[in-house]
Every structure is written in structure tokens, then in C-alpha cells.
Amino acid sequence: MMAEPPLPDETSALFFDLDGTLIDIAEHPQAVTVPTLLAPALAALVEALDGAVAILSGRPVDELDALLQPPMRCVAGVHGAQWRGTRGLREGRGQPGLAEVTRAATALALAHPALHLEHKPGAVALHYRRAPELASVCIETVCAAVARAPDMEVQLGKMVVEAKPRGASKGEALLAFLAEPPFDGRRPWHFGDDRTDEAAFEVVRARGGVAVKVGEGASAADHRLADPAAVRVWLGRAVAHLNARRAVGVPR
């Protein structure tokens, strides 16, 4: 049984997935509810760690900015295909194979209205949360189209199959953050709930950091929290802990 994570110190760099980790998953990506106190808590954590906090998400950066107000300065969107650090926003090149995958996924979504097709910069996701019986056909359809698109690869998630740029991952995004201030030289932590987070867990563990699985299921992580509510409680404790250390003069 994996233990709950400890609390961070001034040498930590914290990375969080959003859906299923900081906020509860909804049937539709646009139907999520962001708790009122989440953004202020994240802002307080950013202040306590001198900016070394980032969101790593499958959502595009503009959606992350709309959901978290004030927006986080450091975010990776579309599983790392979009990346905004302290030096601005960077995006990968256009994906010629995306059109092929989009055509196949669109045809399937039109045939089954319960499916939801989500268009992202350089990627496309087919959600089957409202029609779990269509999981196999969704995965088979996207995989077959991606096989004809060498610049794309398949990413499986919770009730979703996605085609994303080849080589883009939360692990690569986390490494990119660790290569520049204010993350460089710090011990990385990552909190995530999905298969998409496993690449980040592997990077974190290789760097001697802390990997935290949210929810049930096998994982490379060595710590676990039950659900997003538990993550938000931990977040509040972490901010209080860091501020208390600062109050007694622990160097930042």
C-alpha cells in the first residue's frame, strides 16, 4: 500500500495534472467545476516556492488559463505539445497527420452522438465517457488512423483516446521545466491520476523526487492520495508548512 506524500520544503518543484487530480472529472471536458479556493491556493504555493510550480495537462493552454484565474505562469498543455515557462509560450510544429486522424474520429463521432470529439492544437481526443460500450471501437478507429500518420501517436486516458504529436509527453515537459529557472536544481514532485502521468512519474523518480498517484490503479508512483479533494487538502497543508518554515527563518 502506497503511503501519503510528505510535505515539501524550499528545495521542491511541484507539478500537478488538472483533471482528476486538482479538480473532479466531468462527463464533458467543458462541464468541470473548479473549486473557488483552488486558484488562490495555487498562487500561494507559487509564492512559497518562488515560482517553482507548474500544471501539466492534456488540455490546451488557453483552456487552462480560462479555468484557473489568475492563470498559472508555468503550464504545459496537450501533454507537452504546448509549453509555457518563464520565457514565454512555445508550441510544436503543425502535425500533417492530424487531418487523417481527425477525419476518422469525426466520422465515428457523427455516427454515435454520445461520443465527444475534442479538437486541440496539434491533437484530437475522442471521449467515450457517456458511451463506455464504444471504448473498443474508439480505440481501434484512432489507432488505425494514427498508423497512417507517422508524426502522431496514441495516448490512452480515462474514457478517452487521443492522437497527439509523437514524442510529446508530460515527462518531456517536466524535463523542460527542470532545465530552466526557477525549477532547475530543485527536487521534482508530480501529482497525477491517469496513464498520461506515468511518463512524468518515471522522470520524477529518476531524479530522486516524489511521485503521487491520485485515485486507484497500478502506478509507478510511490505515494497515493485518494481523490482531488485529498490533493486540495494536502495543497493547503503544504502552503501552511512552507509559510511556517519561512516564518522561523528557514532560508528560501
Protein backbone atom coordinates (compact mmCIF):
# COMPACT_ATOMS: atom_id res chain seq x y z
CA MET A 1 0.00 0.00 0.00
CA MET A 2 1.42 3.38 -1.03
CA ALA A 3 1.80 6.00 1.69
CA GLU A 4 0.52 9.56 1.58
CA PRO A 5 3.13 12.04 0.39
CA PRO A 6 5.22 14.04 2.84
CA LEU A 7 5.21 17.84 2.83
CA PRO A 8 7.58 19.80 0.55
CA ASP A 9 10.44 22.09 1.52
CA GLU A 10 12.18 25.04 -0.11
CA THR A 11 14.10 22.77 -2.50
CA SER A 12 10.94 21.33 -4.07
CA ALA A 13 9.45 21.91 -7.52
CA LEU A 14 5.81 20.87 -7.71
CA PHE A 15 3.95 19.70 -10.84
CA PHE A 16 0.23 18.88 -10.99
CA ASP A 17 -2.15 17.37 -13.50
CA LEU A 18 -5.50 19.18 -13.52
CA ASP A 19 -8.50 16.95 -14.37
CA GLY A 20 -8.82 14.08 -11.91
CA THR A 21 -6.00 15.49 -9.77
CA LEU A 22 -6.81 19.05 -8.70
CA ILE A 23 -10.42 19.05 -9.96
CA ASP A 24 -13.00 16.29 -10.38
CA ILE A 25 -13.54 14.77 -13.81
CA ALA A 26 -16.85 15.54 -15.53
CA GLU A 27 -18.70 13.77 -18.35
CA HIS A 28 -17.65 16.57 -20.72
CA PRO A 29 -14.35 18.49 -20.54
CA GLN A 30 -16.23 21.81 -20.51
CA ALA A 31 -18.52 20.68 -17.68
CA VAL A 32 -15.88 20.64 -14.95
CA THR A 33 -16.23 22.72 -11.80
CA VAL A 34 -13.16 24.47 -10.40
CA PRO A 35 -13.34 24.91 -6.61
CA THR A 36 -13.31 28.59 -5.65
CA LEU A 37 -10.27 28.30 -3.42
CA LEU A 38 -8.09 26.29 -5.81
CA ALA A 39 -6.53 29.13 -7.80
CA PRO A 40 -5.71 31.20 -4.68
CA ALA A 41 -4.17 28.11 -3.07
CA LEU A 42 -2.02 27.51 -6.15
CA ALA A 43 -0.99 31.18 -6.17
CA ALA A 44 0.04 30.89 -2.52
CA LEU A 45 2.07 27.78 -3.33
CA VAL A 46 3.77 29.57 -6.24
CA GLU A 47 4.72 32.39 -3.86
CA ALA A 48 6.01 29.99 -1.21
CA LEU A 49 8.20 28.14 -3.74
CA ASP A 50 9.44 31.22 -5.62
CA GLY A 51 7.54 30.24 -8.75
CA ALA A 52 8.55 26.56 -8.97
CA VAL A 53 5.02 25.22 -9.54
CA ALA A 54 3.52 24.13 -12.88
CA ILE A 55 0.43 22.45 -14.33
CA LEU A 56 0.97 19.55 -16.78
CA SER A 57 -2.29 18.80 -18.59
CA GLY A 58 -3.84 17.30 -21.67
CA ARG A 59 -5.90 20.48 -22.04
CA PRO A 60 -4.70 23.31 -24.30
CA VAL A 61 -3.00 26.23 -22.55
CA ASP A 62 -5.85 28.65 -23.31
CA GLU A 63 -8.32 26.33 -21.52
CA LEU A 64 -6.02 26.11 -18.51
CA ASP A 65 -5.84 29.90 -18.40
CA ALA A 66 -9.64 30.17 -18.55
CA LEU A 67 -10.17 27.61 -15.78
CA LEU A 68 -7.53 28.89 -13.35
CA GLN A 69 -7.92 32.57 -12.52
CA PRO A 70 -5.46 34.13 -12.10
CA PRO A 71 -3.72 31.93 -14.69
CA MET A 72 -0.66 29.92 -13.75
CA ARG A 73 2.52 31.33 -15.24
CA CYS A 74 4.06 27.90 -15.92
CA VAL A 75 1.90 25.32 -17.71
CA ALA A 76 2.27 22.53 -20.24
CA GLY A 77 -0.75 21.79 -22.44
CA VAL A 78 -1.70 18.99 -24.85
CA HIS A 79 0.62 16.60 -22.96
CA GLY A 80 3.62 18.83 -23.53
CA ALA A 81 2.96 19.82 -27.17
CA GLN A 82 2.32 23.33 -25.77
CA TRP A 83 4.68 24.64 -23.13
CA ARG A 84 4.80 27.98 -21.29
CA GLY A 85 7.62 28.67 -18.89
CA THR A 86 9.18 31.86 -17.59
CA ARG A 87 10.42 32.64 -21.10
CA GLY A 88 7.04 32.56 -22.80
CA LEU A 89 4.86 30.15 -24.80
CA ARG A 90 6.35 27.56 -27.12
CA GLU A 91 4.38 25.25 -29.38
CA GLY A 92 5.37 22.30 -31.53
CA ARG A 93 5.17 22.35 -35.28
CA GLY A 94 1.95 21.54 -37.13
CA GLN A 95 1.16 17.85 -37.49
CA PRO A 96 0.36 16.87 -41.11
CA GLY A 97 -1.09 13.54 -39.96
CA LEU A 98 -3.65 15.22 -37.71
CA ALA A 99 -6.11 15.70 -40.59
CA GLU A 100 -6.18 11.94 -41.26
CA VAL A 101 -6.94 11.12 -37.65
CA THR A 102 -9.50 13.91 -37.34
CA ARG A 103 -11.45 12.64 -40.36
CA ALA A 104 -11.69 9.13 -38.91
CA ALA A 105 -12.64 10.31 -35.43
CA THR A 106 -15.19 12.79 -36.79
CA ALA A 107 -16.95 10.10 -38.82
CA LEU A 108 -17.24 7.89 -35.75
CA ALA A 109 -18.50 10.75 -33.56
CA LEU A 110 -21.14 11.66 -36.15
CA ALA A 111 -22.35 8.04 -36.14
CA HIS A 112 -22.52 7.96 -32.34
CA PRO A 113 -23.76 11.27 -30.83
CA ALA A 114 -22.83 10.16 -27.29
CA LEU A 115 -19.16 10.50 -28.24
CA HIS A 116 -17.43 13.84 -27.82
CA LEU A 117 -14.70 14.92 -30.23
CA GLU A 118 -12.29 17.47 -28.77
CA HIS A 119 -10.02 19.46 -31.08
CA LYS A 120 -6.73 20.70 -29.62
CA PRO A 121 -3.68 22.46 -31.07
CA GLY A 122 -1.88 19.64 -32.87
CA ALA A 123 -4.05 16.89 -31.36
CA VAL A 124 -7.54 15.41 -31.28
CA ALA A 125 -9.27 13.48 -28.48
CA LEU A 126 -12.27 11.16 -28.69
CA HIS A 127 -14.13 10.92 -25.36
CA TYR A 128 -16.43 7.97 -24.71
CA ARG A 129 -17.35 8.61 -21.06
CA ARG A 130 -21.06 8.75 -21.99
CA ALA A 131 -20.75 5.60 -24.10
CA PRO A 132 -18.25 3.24 -22.44
CA GLU A 133 -19.50 0.36 -24.56
CA LEU A 134 -17.84 2.10 -27.52
CA ALA A 135 -14.37 2.02 -25.98
CA SER A 136 -13.03 -0.68 -28.28
CA VAL A 137 -14.30 0.85 -31.50
CA CYS A 138 -13.00 4.31 -30.48
CA ILE A 139 -9.54 2.97 -29.69
CA GLU A 140 -9.43 0.81 -32.83
CA THR A 141 -10.51 3.72 -35.04
CA VAL A 142 -7.95 6.17 -33.69
CA CYS A 143 -5.15 3.59 -33.65
CA ALA A 144 -5.83 2.66 -37.28
CA ALA A 145 -5.72 6.31 -38.35
CA VAL A 146 -2.57 7.02 -36.35
CA ALA A 147 -0.88 4.05 -38.02
CA ARG A 148 -1.13 6.07 -41.26
CA ALA A 149 0.21 9.24 -39.59
CA PRO A 150 3.88 8.77 -38.61
CA ASP A 151 4.08 12.18 -36.89
CA MET A 152 1.31 11.23 -34.44
CA GLU A 153 0.97 8.71 -31.61
CA VAL A 154 -1.87 7.35 -29.49
CA GLN A 155 -2.40 8.40 -25.89
CA LEU A 156 -4.94 6.46 -23.82
CA GLY A 157 -6.62 8.08 -20.84
CA LYS A 158 -9.67 7.75 -18.63
CA MET A 159 -12.55 7.17 -21.05
CA VAL A 160 -10.64 8.93 -23.85
CA VAL A 161 -8.32 8.01 -26.70
CA GLU A 162 -6.20 10.77 -28.15
CA ALA A 163 -3.86 11.33 -31.09
CA LYS A 164 -1.03 13.68 -30.13
CA PRO A 165 2.31 14.74 -31.64
CA ARG A 166 4.87 11.96 -31.49
CA GLY A 167 7.30 12.45 -28.60
CA ALA A 168 5.13 14.90 -26.65
CA SER A 169 4.61 13.76 -23.06
CA LYS A 170 4.27 15.11 -19.56
CA GLY A 171 7.65 13.56 -18.81
CA GLU A 172 9.33 15.58 -21.55
CA ALA A 173 7.50 18.73 -20.41
CA LEU A 174 8.66 18.19 -16.84
CA LEU A 175 12.26 17.77 -18.02
CA ALA A 176 11.99 21.02 -19.99
CA PHE A 177 10.86 22.87 -16.87
CA LEU A 178 13.72 21.40 -14.83
CA ALA A 179 16.21 22.80 -17.33
CA GLU A 180 15.41 26.43 -16.56
CA PRO A 181 14.72 28.74 -13.59
CA PRO A 182 13.03 28.63 -11.17
CA PHE A 183 12.82 24.82 -11.43
CA ASP A 184 16.45 23.99 -12.12
CA GLY A 185 18.34 22.41 -9.22
CA ARG A 186 15.15 21.51 -7.34
CA ARG A 187 13.70 18.13 -6.36
CA PRO A 188 10.66 17.43 -8.59
CA TRP A 189 7.25 16.24 -7.39
CA HIS A 190 4.39 15.23 -9.67
CA PHE A 191 0.73 14.58 -8.80
CA GLY A 192 -1.42 12.80 -11.41
CA ASP A 193 -4.28 10.35 -11.80
CA ASP A 194 -4.04 8.95 -15.33
CA ARG A 195 -1.90 6.92 -17.72
CA THR A 196 -0.71 10.22 -19.17
CA ASP A 197 1.03 10.95 -15.85
CA GLU A 198 3.13 7.79 -15.78
CA ALA A 199 5.85 9.32 -18.01
CA ALA A 200 6.17 12.20 -15.53
CA PHE A 201 6.30 9.77 -12.60
CA GLU A 202 9.22 7.95 -14.23
CA VAL A 203 11.14 11.21 -14.70
CA VAL A 204 10.45 12.30 -11.13
CA ARG A 205 11.59 9.01 -9.64
CA ALA A 206 14.75 9.02 -11.78
CA ARG A 207 15.55 12.47 -10.36
CA GLY A 208 15.03 11.35 -6.75
CA GLY A 209 11.71 13.16 -6.49
CA VAL A 210 8.22 12.35 -5.21
CA ALA A 211 5.56 10.74 -7.46
CA VAL A 212 1.96 10.86 -6.20
CA LYS A 213 -0.81 8.78 -7.76
CA VAL A 214 -4.31 10.20 -7.27
CA GLY A 215 -7.06 7.58 -7.06
CA GLU A 216 -6.99 3.86 -7.68
CA GLY A 217 -4.96 1.77 -10.10
CA ALA A 218 -1.44 0.47 -10.60
CA SER A 219 1.24 3.12 -11.00
CA ALA A 220 4.97 3.80 -10.97
CA ALA A 221 4.29 6.34 -8.21
CA ASP A 222 5.41 5.63 -4.66
CA HIS A 223 2.76 7.73 -2.88
CA ARG A 224 -1.01 7.99 -3.20
CA LEU A 225 -3.88 10.35 -2.39
CA ALA A 226 -7.49 9.19 -2.65
CA ASP A 227 -9.03 11.87 -4.88
CA PRO A 228 -8.84 15.55 -5.91
CA ALA A 229 -10.39 16.64 -2.60
CA ALA A 230 -7.50 14.95 -0.78
CA VAL A 231 -5.00 16.67 -3.09
CA ARG A 232 -6.54 20.06 -2.30
CA VAL A 233 -6.33 19.35 1.45
CA TRP A 234 -2.67 18.38 1.00
CA LEU A 235 -2.10 21.56 -1.01
CA GLY A 236 -3.40 23.70 1.85
CA ARG A 237 -1.20 21.85 4.34
CA ALA A 238 1.82 22.30 2.08
CA VAL A 239 1.31 26.07 1.85
CA ALA A 240 0.90 26.35 5.64
CA HIS A 241 4.01 24.22 6.19
CA LEU A 242 6.17 26.26 3.82
CA ASN A 243 4.97 29.56 5.27
CA ALA A 244 5.65 28.33 8.82
CA ARG A 245 9.20 27.38 7.84
CA ARG A 246 9.70 30.84 6.34
CA ALA A 247 8.34 32.49 9.49
CA VAL A 248 11.02 30.86 11.65
CA GLY A 249 13.77 31.86 9.26
CA VAL A 250 14.40 28.76 7.17
CA PRO A 251 16.26 30.04 4.06
CA ARG A 252 14.30 30.05 0.81
